[in-house]
Protein backbone atom coordinates (compact mmCIF):
# COMPACT_ATOMS: atom_id res chain seq x y z
CA MET A 1 0.00 0.00 0.00
CA ILE A 2 1.15 3.56 -0.78
CA THR A 3 0.94 5.95 2.16
CA GLY A 4 0.65 9.69 1.91
CA THR A 5 4.29 10.12 2.88
CA MET A 6 5.38 7.66 0.19
CA LEU A 7 3.28 9.41 -2.46
CA ARG A 8 4.64 12.80 -1.43
CA ASP A 9 8.22 11.62 -1.64
CA ALA A 10 7.52 9.81 -4.92
CA ILE A 11 6.23 12.94 -6.65
CA ILE A 12 9.25 14.90 -5.37
CA SER A 13 11.45 12.09 -6.71
CA GLY A 14 9.66 12.24 -10.09
CA ALA A 15 10.29 15.99 -10.23
CA ASN A 16 14.00 15.43 -9.55
CA ALA A 17 14.18 12.71 -12.19
CA ILE A 18 12.80 14.85 -15.00
CA GLU A 19 14.85 17.85 -13.89
CA ALA A 20 18.06 15.82 -14.17
CA GLN A 21 17.19 14.72 -17.72
CA LYS A 22 15.29 17.75 -19.04
CA ARG A 23 17.99 18.76 -21.52
CA ALA A 24 18.13 15.27 -22.97
CA VAL A 25 14.34 15.33 -23.35
CA ASP A 26 14.55 18.78 -24.95
CA GLN A 27 16.91 17.38 -27.57
CA LEU A 28 14.22 14.92 -28.69
CA ASN A 29 12.16 17.80 -30.07
CA ILE A 30 12.31 17.30 -33.82
CA PHE A 31 11.14 20.73 -34.96
CA PRO A 32 14.32 22.84 -35.18
CA VAL A 33 12.66 26.17 -34.28
CA PRO A 34 13.58 27.53 -30.83
CA ASP A 35 10.61 26.81 -28.61
CA GLY A 36 9.40 26.14 -25.09
CA ASP A 37 11.05 22.72 -25.06
CA THR A 38 9.20 19.73 -23.68
CA GLY A 39 11.68 18.61 -21.04
CA THR A 40 12.04 22.09 -19.62
CA ASN A 41 8.28 22.64 -19.53
CA MET A 42 7.62 19.30 -17.83
CA SER A 43 10.41 19.91 -15.32
CA MET A 44 9.14 23.39 -14.41
CA THR A 45 5.61 22.00 -14.06
CA MET A 46 6.75 19.21 -11.73
CA SER A 47 8.92 21.61 -9.74
CA ALA A 48 5.77 23.54 -8.81
CA ALA A 49 4.45 20.40 -7.08
CA ARG A 50 7.81 19.67 -5.48
CA LYS A 51 7.88 23.09 -3.87
CA GLU A 52 4.44 22.60 -2.35
CA LEU A 53 5.01 19.03 -1.21
CA GLN A 54 8.36 19.66 0.44
CA ALA A 55 6.54 21.75 3.05
CA LEU A 56 3.71 19.23 3.49
CA SER A 57 3.38 16.78 6.34
CA ALA A 58 0.46 14.42 5.76
CA ASP A 59 -0.15 10.71 6.06
CA SER A 60 -3.13 10.68 3.70
CA ALA A 61 -2.57 9.88 0.03
CA SER A 62 -5.70 11.91 -0.71
CA VAL A 63 -4.27 15.08 0.85
CA VAL A 64 -0.98 14.69 -1.02
CA ALA A 65 -2.72 14.06 -4.35
CA ASP A 66 -4.91 17.15 -3.88
CA LYS A 67 -1.96 19.37 -3.01
CA ALA A 68 0.08 18.09 -5.96
CA ALA A 69 -2.79 18.47 -8.43
CA SER A 70 -3.43 22.07 -7.39
CA ALA A 71 0.25 23.02 -7.66
CA LEU A 72 0.67 21.28 -11.01
CA LEU A 73 -2.42 22.94 -12.45
CA ARG A 74 -1.18 26.41 -11.56
CA GLY A 75 2.42 25.69 -12.52
CA ALA A 76 1.65 24.01 -15.85
CA ARG A 77 3.74 25.31 -18.75
CA GLY A 78 3.30 24.41 -22.39
CA ASN A 79 1.06 21.69 -23.76
CA SER A 80 3.20 18.91 -22.28
CA GLY A 81 3.05 20.53 -18.84
CA VAL A 82 -0.72 20.94 -19.01
CA ILE A 83 -1.20 17.29 -20.04
CA LEU A 84 1.08 16.25 -17.18
CA SER A 85 -0.99 18.30 -14.73
CA LEU A 86 -4.18 16.68 -16.00
CA LEU A 87 -2.74 13.21 -15.47
CA PHE A 88 -2.00 14.06 -11.85
CA ARG A 89 -5.41 15.66 -11.43
CA GLY A 90 -6.70 12.14 -12.03
CA PHE A 91 -4.75 11.08 -8.93
CA SER A 92 -6.58 13.75 -6.96
CA LYS A 93 -9.93 12.39 -8.09
CA GLY A 94 -9.02 8.72 -7.97
CA LEU A 95 -7.52 8.91 -4.49
CA LYS A 96 -10.26 11.03 -2.97
CA ASP A 97 -10.74 10.02 0.69
CA VAL A 98 -8.09 7.31 0.25
CA ALA A 99 -5.58 7.14 3.11
CA THR A 100 -3.34 4.44 1.59
CA ALA A 101 -3.50 3.50 -2.09
CA SER A 102 -3.72 -0.03 -3.47
CA GLY A 103 -2.79 -1.15 -6.96
CA ALA A 104 -6.42 -0.78 -8.04
CA ASP A 105 -6.49 2.77 -6.64
CA LEU A 106 -3.40 3.72 -8.65
CA ALA A 107 -4.82 2.17 -11.81
CA ASN A 108 -8.11 4.03 -11.37
CA ALA A 109 -6.31 7.31 -10.66
CA LEU A 110 -4.16 7.08 -13.78
CA THR A 111 -7.18 6.13 -15.89
CA LEU A 112 -9.08 9.21 -14.71
CA GLY A 113 -6.07 11.36 -15.55
CA VAL A 114 -5.78 9.89 -19.05
CA GLU A 115 -9.47 10.51 -19.70
CA ALA A 116 -9.12 14.15 -18.62
CA ALA A 117 -6.04 14.64 -20.80
CA TYR A 118 -7.69 13.21 -23.91
CA LYS A 119 -10.75 15.41 -23.38
CA ALA A 120 -8.60 18.52 -23.04
CA VAL A 121 -6.85 18.04 -26.39
CA MET A 122 -9.00 19.07 -29.32
CA LYS A 123 -7.43 16.59 -31.73
CA PRO A 124 -5.56 13.92 -29.74
CA THR A 125 -2.57 12.58 -31.65
CA GLU A 126 -1.36 9.04 -31.09
CA GLY A 127 2.37 8.56 -30.80
CA THR A 128 2.64 11.22 -28.10
CA ILE A 129 2.57 11.44 -24.30
CA LEU A 130 -1.14 10.67 -24.54
CA THR A 131 -0.44 7.25 -26.03
CA VAL A 132 2.19 6.47 -23.44
CA ALA A 133 -0.15 7.39 -20.58
CA ARG A 134 -3.14 5.55 -22.08
CA VAL A 135 -1.26 2.30 -22.63
CA ALA A 136 0.14 2.50 -19.09
CA ALA A 137 -3.35 2.99 -17.65
CA GLU A 138 -4.75 0.06 -19.64
CA LYS A 139 -1.97 -2.20 -18.38
CA ALA A 140 -2.47 -0.95 -14.82
CA ARG A 141 -6.15 -1.93 -14.83
CA ALA A 142 -5.35 -5.39 -16.19
CA SER A 143 -2.53 -5.82 -13.68
CA ALA A 144 -4.66 -4.74 -10.69
CA ALA A 145 -7.33 -7.26 -11.64
CA LEU A 146 -4.74 -10.03 -11.19
CA ASN A 147 -2.70 -8.61 -8.31
CA ASN A 148 -3.75 -5.64 -6.18
CA SER A 149 -0.20 -4.94 -5.03
CA ALA A 150 0.66 -1.28 -5.57
CA LEU A 151 4.30 -2.19 -6.24
CA VAL A 152 3.38 -4.72 -8.91
CA VAL A 153 0.93 -2.37 -10.58
CA TRP A 154 3.40 0.52 -10.61
CA GLU A 155 6.13 -1.64 -12.14
CA ASP A 156 3.67 -2.59 -14.88
CA ILE A 157 2.83 1.09 -15.37
CA CYS A 158 6.51 1.91 -15.84
CA SER A 159 7.34 -1.01 -18.14
CA SER A 160 4.23 -0.61 -20.31
CA ALA A 161 4.82 3.15 -20.61
CA GLU A 162 8.36 2.47 -21.82
CA ALA A 163 7.10 -0.15 -24.26
CA ALA A 164 4.53 2.34 -25.59
CA LEU A 165 7.23 4.98 -25.89
CA ALA A 166 9.23 2.64 -28.12
CA THR A 167 6.26 2.41 -30.52
CA THR A 168 5.81 6.18 -30.93
CA PRO A 169 8.01 6.36 -34.05
CA GLU A 170 5.74 3.81 -35.73
CA LEU A 171 2.68 5.91 -34.92
CA LEU A 172 4.19 9.24 -35.96
CA PRO A 173 6.26 9.04 -39.17
CA VAL A 174 7.95 12.33 -38.43
CA LEU A 175 9.50 10.75 -35.33
CA LYS A 176 10.66 7.74 -37.33
CA ARG A 177 12.34 9.91 -39.97
CA ALA A 178 14.19 11.77 -37.24
CA GLY A 179 15.12 8.55 -35.43
CA VAL A 180 13.70 9.65 -32.05
CA VAL A 181 10.87 8.80 -29.66
CA ASP A 182 8.26 11.29 -28.46
CA ALA A 183 9.74 13.85 -26.05
CA GLY A 184 6.65 14.14 -23.84
CA GLY A 185 6.35 10.38 -23.57
CA GLN A 186 10.02 10.11 -22.61
CA GLY A 187 9.53 12.74 -19.92
CA LEU A 188 6.55 10.86 -18.49
CA CYS A 189 8.54 7.60 -18.34
CA LEU A 190 11.31 9.37 -16.42
CA ILE A 191 8.80 10.75 -13.92
CA PHE A 192 7.18 7.33 -13.44
CA ARG A 193 10.57 5.68 -12.79
CA GLY A 194 11.54 8.48 -10.41
CA MET A 195 8.38 7.81 -8.43
CA GLN A 196 9.07 4.06 -8.43
CA SER A 197 12.39 4.65 -6.69
CA VAL A 198 10.47 5.70 -3.58
CA PHE A 199 7.82 3.00 -3.88
CA MET A 200 10.55 0.33 -4.04
CA GLY A 201 12.28 1.70 -0.95
CA ASN A 202 15.28 3.15 -2.77
CA GLY A 203 14.61 6.69 -1.65
CA ILE A 204 14.09 9.98 -3.45
CA VAL A 205 16.08 10.46 -6.66
CA GLU A 206 18.75 13.01 -5.84
CA GLN A 207 18.14 16.53 -7.02
CA VAL A 208 21.06 17.54 -9.21
CA ALA A 209 22.49 21.02 -9.34
CA ALA A 210 21.76 22.27 -12.83
CA ALA A 211 22.68 25.47 -14.62
CA ALA A 212 20.27 28.19 -13.66
CA ASP A 213 17.43 28.69 -16.07
CA VAL A 214 16.69 32.14 -17.37
CA THR A 215 13.72 33.42 -15.46
CA THR A 216 11.68 36.55 -15.82
CA ASP A 217 8.93 38.35 -14.03
CA THR A 218 6.31 37.18 -16.46
CA PHE A 219 3.76 39.83 -15.59
CA MET A 220 4.67 43.26 -16.81
CA SER A 221 3.64 46.84 -17.27
CA VAL A 222 4.49 47.54 -20.88
CA VAL A 223 5.20 51.24 -20.52
CA ALA A 224 7.66 50.62 -17.69
CA GLU A 225 9.98 48.75 -20.06
CA PHE A 226 9.58 51.00 -23.08
CA ASP A 227 11.59 54.12 -22.33
CA GLU A 228 14.36 53.76 -24.83
CA VAL A 229 11.91 53.22 -27.70
CA ILE A 230 9.47 56.02 -26.86
CA ASN A 231 10.09 58.18 -29.91
CA PHE A 232 6.90 60.21 -29.43
CA THR A 233 5.12 61.33 -26.28
CA TYR A 234 1.41 60.68 -26.76
CA CYS A 235 -0.37 57.40 -27.41
CA THR A 236 -3.40 58.58 -29.37
CA GLU A 237 -6.41 56.44 -30.24
CA PHE A 238 -9.71 57.39 -31.82
CA ILE A 239 -12.61 56.14 -33.87
CA VAL A 240 -14.05 58.16 -36.76
CA GLN A 241 -17.61 57.83 -38.04
CA LYS A 242 -17.20 57.89 -41.83
CA GLU A 243 -19.00 60.74 -43.60
CA ASN A 244 -17.34 60.67 -47.02
CA ASP A 245 -15.55 58.36 -49.42
CA THR A 246 -12.04 59.66 -48.82
CA ASP A 247 -9.55 56.78 -48.76
CA PRO A 248 -8.54 56.06 -45.12
CA MET A 249 -5.06 55.24 -46.39
CA GLN A 250 -4.58 58.99 -46.84
CA LEU A 251 -5.10 59.34 -43.09
CA ARG A 252 -2.55 56.57 -42.49
CA ALA A 253 -0.04 58.28 -44.79
CA TYR A 254 -0.40 61.57 -42.91
CA LEU A 255 -0.10 59.97 -39.48
CA GLU A 256 3.13 58.27 -40.48
CA THR A 257 4.63 61.71 -41.12
CA ILE A 258 3.90 62.87 -37.56
CA GLY A 259 4.39 59.67 -35.55
CA ASP A 260 4.97 55.93 -35.46
CA CYS A 261 3.22 52.69 -34.45
CA VAL A 262 0.42 53.67 -36.81
CA VAL A 263 -2.53 51.31 -37.07
CA VAL A 264 -5.52 52.23 -39.24
CA VAL A 265 -8.40 49.81 -39.70
CA ASP A 266 -11.65 50.65 -41.46
CA ASP A 267 -14.92 49.11 -42.53
CA ASP A 268 -18.04 50.50 -44.17
CA GLU A 269 -18.92 52.76 -41.24
CA ILE A 270 -15.90 53.58 -39.07
CA ILE A 271 -12.14 54.13 -39.07
CA LYS A 272 -10.23 52.89 -36.00
CA VAL A 273 -6.85 54.55 -35.44
CA HIS A 274 -3.83 54.18 -33.16
CA VAL A 275 -0.69 56.36 -33.38
CA HIS A 276 2.21 57.54 -31.21
CA THR A 277 2.82 61.25 -31.88
CA ASP A 278 3.95 64.53 -30.33
CA ASN A 279 1.00 66.30 -31.98
CA PRO A 280 -2.27 64.52 -31.11
CA GLY A 281 -4.20 67.66 -32.00
CA ASN A 282 -2.95 67.49 -35.59
CA ALA A 283 -3.92 63.83 -35.78
CA LEU A 284 -7.46 64.59 -34.61
CA THR A 285 -7.78 67.60 -36.93
CA CYS A 286 -6.87 65.46 -39.91
CA ALA A 287 -9.28 62.76 -38.74
CA LEU A 288 -12.15 65.25 -38.71
CA THR A 289 -11.86 65.61 -42.48
CA PHE A 290 -13.07 62.01 -42.72
CA GLY A 291 -16.01 62.35 -40.33
CA GLN A 292 -17.04 62.89 -36.72
CA LEU A 293 -14.97 61.55 -33.85
CA ILE A 294 -16.85 58.90 -31.86
CA THR A 295 -14.20 58.20 -29.20
CA THR A 296 -10.75 59.56 -28.37
CA LYS A 297 -8.02 58.58 -25.89
CA ILE A 298 -4.69 60.38 -25.41
CA GLU A 299 -2.06 59.17 -22.90
CA ASN A 300 1.37 60.60 -22.08
CA MET A 301 3.66 57.57 -22.36
CA ARG A 302 6.71 59.34 -20.94
CA GLU A 303 4.79 60.31 -17.82
CA GLN A 304 3.42 56.80 -17.49
CA HIS A 305 6.93 55.41 -17.75
CA LYS A 306 8.28 57.83 -15.15
CA ASN A 307 5.55 56.89 -12.70
CA ALA A 308 5.99 53.20 -13.41
CA GLY A 309 9.75 53.47 -12.96
CA ASN A 310 9.29 54.88 -9.47
CA LYS A 311 7.44 51.77 -8.36
CA GLU A 312 9.16 48.64 -7.17
CA ALA A 313 8.65 45.58 -9.33
CA ALA A 314 5.94 43.47 -7.79
CA LYS A 315 3.54 40.74 -8.60
CA PRO A 316 0.24 41.93 -10.05
CA THR A 317 -2.31 43.08 -7.53
CA ARG A 318 -5.58 41.23 -7.47
CA VAL A 319 -8.52 43.56 -8.07
CA GLU A 320 -12.24 43.04 -7.74
CA PRO A 321 -14.10 42.43 -11.00
CA VAL A 322 -16.25 45.33 -12.16
CA ALA A 323 -19.76 44.19 -13.01
CA GLY A 324 -20.44 44.26 -16.73
CA ALA A 325 -16.88 45.28 -17.61
CA LEU A 326 -14.83 43.42 -20.22
CA GLY A 327 -11.02 43.23 -20.07
CA PHE A 328 -8.14 41.76 -22.03
CA VAL A 329 -4.96 39.85 -21.21
CA ALA A 330 -2.41 39.03 -23.92
CA VAL A 331 0.79 36.99 -23.97
CA ALA A 332 3.62 38.59 -25.89
CA ALA A 333 7.39 39.11 -25.95
CA GLY A 334 9.37 42.17 -27.01
CA ASP A 335 8.91 45.73 -25.79
CA GLY A 336 7.37 46.98 -29.02
CA VAL A 337 4.97 44.06 -29.39
CA CYS A 338 3.89 44.27 -25.76
CA SER A 339 3.35 48.01 -26.03
CA LEU A 340 1.25 47.56 -29.15
CA PHE A 341 -1.08 45.14 -27.34
CA LYS A 342 -1.34 47.58 -24.46
CA ASP A 343 -2.17 50.39 -26.84
CA LEU A 344 -4.79 48.27 -28.55
CA GLY A 345 -6.66 47.89 -25.27
CA CYS A 346 -5.08 45.01 -23.36
CA ASP A 347 -5.27 45.69 -19.65
CA ASN A 348 -2.36 43.40 -18.80
CA VAL A 349 0.38 41.68 -20.76
CA VAL A 350 2.09 38.46 -19.69
CA THR A 351 5.65 38.22 -20.94
CA GLY A 352 6.12 34.99 -22.81
CA GLY A 353 5.89 33.14 -26.08
CA GLN A 354 8.36 31.01 -27.95
CA THR A 355 11.08 29.59 -25.62
CA MET A 356 9.40 31.02 -22.50
CA ASN A 357 5.93 29.62 -22.03
CA PRO A 358 4.20 31.28 -19.05
CA SER A 359 2.50 29.06 -16.51
CA THR A 360 -1.22 28.89 -15.86
CA GLU A 361 -0.52 30.75 -12.60
CA ASP A 362 1.20 33.60 -14.49
CA ILE A 363 -1.83 34.02 -16.74
CA LEU A 364 -4.26 33.65 -13.85
CA GLU A 365 -2.51 36.43 -11.91
CA ALA A 366 -2.91 38.75 -14.89
CA VAL A 367 -6.59 37.80 -15.17
CA HIS A 368 -7.16 38.55 -11.48
CA ALA A 369 -5.36 41.89 -11.91
CA THR A 370 -7.88 42.91 -14.58
CA ALA A 371 -10.86 44.84 -13.20
CA ALA A 372 -13.47 43.18 -15.37
CA GLU A 373 -16.27 40.70 -14.92
CA THR A 374 -15.24 38.96 -18.15
CA VAL A 375 -11.61 38.71 -19.30
CA PHE A 376 -10.53 37.70 -22.79
CA VAL A 377 -7.15 35.94 -22.90
CA LEU A 378 -5.09 35.92 -26.10
CA PRO A 379 -2.28 33.32 -25.84
CA ASN A 380 -0.79 34.20 -29.25
CA ASN A 381 1.11 30.91 -29.33
CA LYS A 382 -0.20 27.39 -29.91
CA ASN A 383 1.85 26.03 -27.01
CA ILE A 384 0.26 28.44 -24.53
CA ILE A 385 -3.41 27.92 -25.39
CA MET A 386 -3.89 24.91 -23.11
CA ALA A 387 -2.23 26.66 -20.15
CA ALA A 388 -4.57 29.61 -20.66
CA GLU A 389 -7.61 27.35 -20.84
CA GLN A 390 -6.80 25.94 -17.40
CA CYS A 391 -7.61 29.39 -15.98
CA VAL A 392 -11.27 29.06 -16.96
CA PRO A 393 -12.42 26.81 -14.07
CA ILE A 394 -10.23 28.35 -11.37
CA ALA A 395 -10.55 32.10 -12.00
CA ASP A 396 -12.88 34.19 -9.83
CA ARG A 397 -14.37 35.80 -12.95
CA ARG A 398 -15.40 34.65 -16.39
CA VAL A 399 -12.45 33.87 -18.68
CA VAL A 400 -12.81 33.55 -22.45
CA VAL A 401 -9.74 32.15 -24.21
CA LEU A 402 -9.43 33.19 -27.83
CA PRO A 403 -7.14 30.49 -29.30
CA THR A 404 -4.85 32.90 -31.15
CA ARG A 405 -1.74 31.06 -32.30
CA THR A 406 0.42 33.99 -33.44
CA ILE A 407 1.08 37.64 -32.61
CA PRO A 408 -0.58 38.88 -35.85
CA GLN A 409 -3.68 36.86 -35.01
CA GLY A 410 -3.79 38.48 -31.58
CA ILE A 411 -3.43 41.97 -33.05
CA ALA A 412 -6.19 41.29 -35.58
CA ALA A 413 -8.46 40.03 -32.82
CA MET A 414 -7.95 43.16 -30.72
CA LEU A 415 -8.61 45.42 -33.71
CA ALA A 416 -11.90 43.60 -34.30
CA TYR A 417 -13.19 44.23 -30.78
CA ASN A 418 -16.45 46.17 -30.74
CA ALA A 419 -17.27 47.88 -27.44
CA ASP A 420 -20.96 48.03 -28.39
CA ALA A 421 -21.26 44.27 -28.89
CA GLY A 422 -21.66 41.61 -26.21
CA VAL A 423 -19.11 39.07 -25.02
CA ASP A 424 -20.34 36.19 -27.19
CA ILE A 425 -20.55 38.26 -30.37
CA ASN A 426 -17.08 39.68 -29.78
CA ALA A 427 -15.67 36.22 -29.13
CA VAL A 428 -16.92 35.04 -32.52
CA ASP A 429 -16.01 38.18 -34.46
CA MET A 430 -12.56 38.53 -32.92
CA PHE A 431 -11.65 34.92 -33.64
CA LYS A 432 -12.95 35.22 -37.21
CA ALA A 433 -10.71 38.25 -37.68
CA ALA A 434 -7.74 36.33 -36.30
CA GLU A 435 -8.35 33.40 -38.63
CA LYS A 436 -8.25 35.65 -41.69
CA VAL A 437 -4.66 36.72 -41.02
CA SER A 438 -1.82 34.81 -42.65
CA THR A 439 1.32 34.74 -40.50
CA GLY A 440 4.94 34.35 -41.51
CA HIS A 441 8.01 33.94 -39.31
CA ILE A 442 11.69 34.30 -40.07
CA THR A 443 13.75 32.61 -37.35
CA TYR A 444 16.79 30.36 -36.97
CA ALA A 445 17.44 26.67 -36.41
CA ALA A 446 18.21 25.94 -32.77
CA ARG A 447 19.59 22.49 -33.53
CA ASN A 448 20.68 20.20 -36.34
CA SER A 449 17.69 18.35 -37.68
CA ASP A 450 16.34 16.21 -40.46
CA PHE A 451 12.84 17.61 -40.76
CA ASP A 452 10.23 17.42 -43.51
CA ASN A 453 12.81 16.07 -45.97
CA LYS A 454 15.10 19.02 -45.25
CA ARG A 455 18.56 18.63 -43.76
CA ILE A 456 18.86 21.56 -41.38
CA LYS A 457 21.98 22.83 -39.66
CA GLU A 458 22.02 24.80 -36.44
CA GLY A 459 21.92 28.50 -37.29
CA ASP A 460 20.17 28.13 -40.65
CA ILE A 461 17.51 30.76 -41.34
CA LEU A 462 14.04 29.23 -41.38
CA ALA A 463 10.96 30.64 -43.11
CA LEU A 464 7.60 29.50 -41.75
CA GLN A 465 4.19 30.16 -43.24
CA ASN A 466 1.31 29.64 -40.81
CA GLY A 467 3.52 27.38 -38.71
CA LYS A 468 4.78 25.25 -41.59
CA LEU A 469 8.45 25.26 -42.56
CA VAL A 470 8.55 26.28 -46.23
CA PHE A 471 12.22 26.93 -47.02
CA LEU A 472 15.73 27.58 -45.66
CA ASP A 473 18.02 30.53 -46.28
CA LYS A 474 21.22 32.10 -45.01
CA ASP A 475 20.07 35.71 -44.70
CA PRO A 476 17.01 36.93 -42.70
CA THR A 477 16.20 39.84 -45.01
CA LYS A 478 16.41 37.77 -48.19
CA ALA A 479 14.25 35.12 -46.53
CA LEU A 480 11.68 37.78 -45.59
CA VAL A 481 11.37 39.09 -49.14
CA LYS A 482 11.07 35.57 -50.53
CA LEU A 483 8.40 34.68 -47.94
CA VAL A 484 6.43 37.84 -48.74
CA LYS A 485 6.41 36.88 -52.41
CA GLN A 486 5.15 33.42 -51.50
CA MET A 487 2.42 34.64 -49.14
CA THR A 488 0.92 37.53 -51.09
CA THR A 489 -1.96 37.15 -53.54
CA ARG A 490 -3.94 39.45 -55.79
CA ASP A 491 -6.24 40.17 -52.85
CA THR A 492 -3.44 41.24 -50.49
CA SER A 493 -3.86 44.85 -49.43
CA PHE A 494 -1.87 45.20 -46.24
CA ILE A 495 1.41 43.78 -44.90
CA THR A 496 2.87 44.34 -41.44
CA ILE A 497 6.55 43.58 -40.75
CA ILE A 498 7.46 43.28 -37.06
CA TYR A 499 11.21 43.18 -36.62
CA GLY A 500 12.96 41.64 -33.64
CA ASP A 501 15.82 42.49 -31.32
CA SER A 502 18.38 40.96 -33.68
CA ILE A 503 17.53 43.40 -36.51
CA SER A 504 18.78 47.00 -36.50
CA ASP A 505 16.53 49.89 -37.48
CA GLU A 506 18.60 50.40 -40.62
CA LYS A 507 18.28 46.75 -41.66
CA ALA A 508 14.56 46.89 -40.98
CA GLU A 509 14.12 49.92 -43.23
CA GLU A 510 16.10 48.17 -45.95
CA ALA A 511 13.80 45.16 -45.59
CA ARG A 512 10.71 47.34 -45.89
CA ALA A 513 12.04 48.99 -49.04
CA LEU A 514 12.75 45.62 -50.63
CA VAL A 515 9.29 44.33 -49.72
CA GLU A 516 7.60 47.45 -51.08
CA ARG A 517 9.40 47.02 -54.38
CA LYS A 518 8.37 43.39 -54.48
CA VAL A 519 4.63 43.90 -53.79
CA GLY A 520 4.06 47.17 -55.64
CA SER A 521 2.19 50.34 -54.77
CA ASN A 522 -1.21 48.67 -54.32
CA VAL A 523 -0.13 47.00 -51.09
CA GLU A 524 0.41 49.04 -47.92
CA VAL A 525 3.52 47.97 -45.97
CA MET A 526 3.81 48.85 -42.27
CA LEU A 527 7.02 48.44 -40.23
CA VAL A 528 6.92 47.92 -36.44
CA ASN A 529 9.87 47.67 -34.04
CA GLY A 530 8.66 44.68 -32.03
CA GLY A 531 11.90 43.98 -30.20
CA GLN A 532 10.89 40.33 -29.90
CA PRO A 533 13.43 37.56 -29.30
CA VAL A 534 13.75 34.41 -31.42
CA TYR A 535 12.03 35.79 -34.52
CA HIS A 536 14.04 38.09 -36.79
CA PHE A 537 10.78 39.06 -38.50
CA ILE A 538 7.10 38.38 -37.88
CA LEU A 539 4.99 38.91 -40.98
CA SER A 540 1.27 39.62 -41.15
CA VAL A 541 -0.44 39.46 -44.55
CA GLU A 542 -4.03 40.60 -45.02
């Protein structure tokens, strides 16, 4: 039988086991793009439980399972971390009111966790951590029916998980071509074996001293980190009620002569505008030639920065939800990108994205710091969506997750927000707007790889179109121009180029000039200093 103390020590041991091998698990990732690697995400998720359990003294398996499940849920990072947290949530349910766990209890707990994990994934893929967990649970139930010994059942869980892991290349051809097993499945096997060490009386797997991971205060005030790139004083936003047929692009052209970060979006009835300028009055005067002003907002960014800089860095403060109010939380990286989301109406921005997936707790803190009854969350990365969705049942206010997978999708969603429409209508319209945007990325290969019939060397420039690797290059700017040519159609009217922290202003202007020559005068090209890591350029094509 497994006591509460044994289960506590086993989970701590599992956390140590994956931490010791996280880099090796990271290396199993076959996609060469820098990302929030699986081993690191699973290790950080398990470490959240370890921290809680190390301070816990309880003899009940039920109490330990509850404490671990809660910590894992809040600490979950990336899709692999969320799935891992869901597996352990099954232990919380399966061991409810159980003081000491039998083999049948463990089998039932793992089965409940597998069921929750499969339900949480929109399109479950076999050959992943899901397969490894499912096969282990099936074997556990069969084993418990023959022998209710917890030690016997857990050994069968470990051995069947490892056998399932070995089959993942047969289930996913991309794994077979790369000659590797699934990274998430490997991580789960390491955790299971780490737990077994305690169950078998061999003690907790030793926690190894590893190189410190780069950490960051994931919740941020955008303006407080934006001083060196504040070229103009006033963030100016307004909506114009159209009263004539004058082309709104003339307004955009004028605003670009008096400011930067210009965004102009129009439909049949209104023009929505955002600009940073030293002359907001001139911007509004020009806008009046197109029609009446419906709303205006002018904020002094330098003053905001000065005030923010005088405050000590702190975790976000929880605020009471305002009845009927609607707020926004976005996930983004890079001073310019984060500032743009703030300017577009996001109340709070969580720092994160590729290579630094925020935890559910990070996102939840930002939600609770938003004074709204309903909070929209824009993950802006496919590997953050599941972590954001875990906020829905545990937040003290309504959370609506818009499954935006890229920064351009998130920007498009915010631009589509209509203050006069309700939550449900906005949820539909904002996601429709996001889906219409085609996204390109220019980044680099983080590792040698044989992927999608392409032999890739570390450092190669990669061009991705809507998440799919389309070609390799040696120069980021040349790759950008080539990708633009590939992504544009006869219907393309607007292109946004967001350049990252590896690209100088001069190089960015050169890139814009080359793109403008490539697409011609009928396509508007906007350049934004995003300051984002990882991606040399982010491309939005509409």
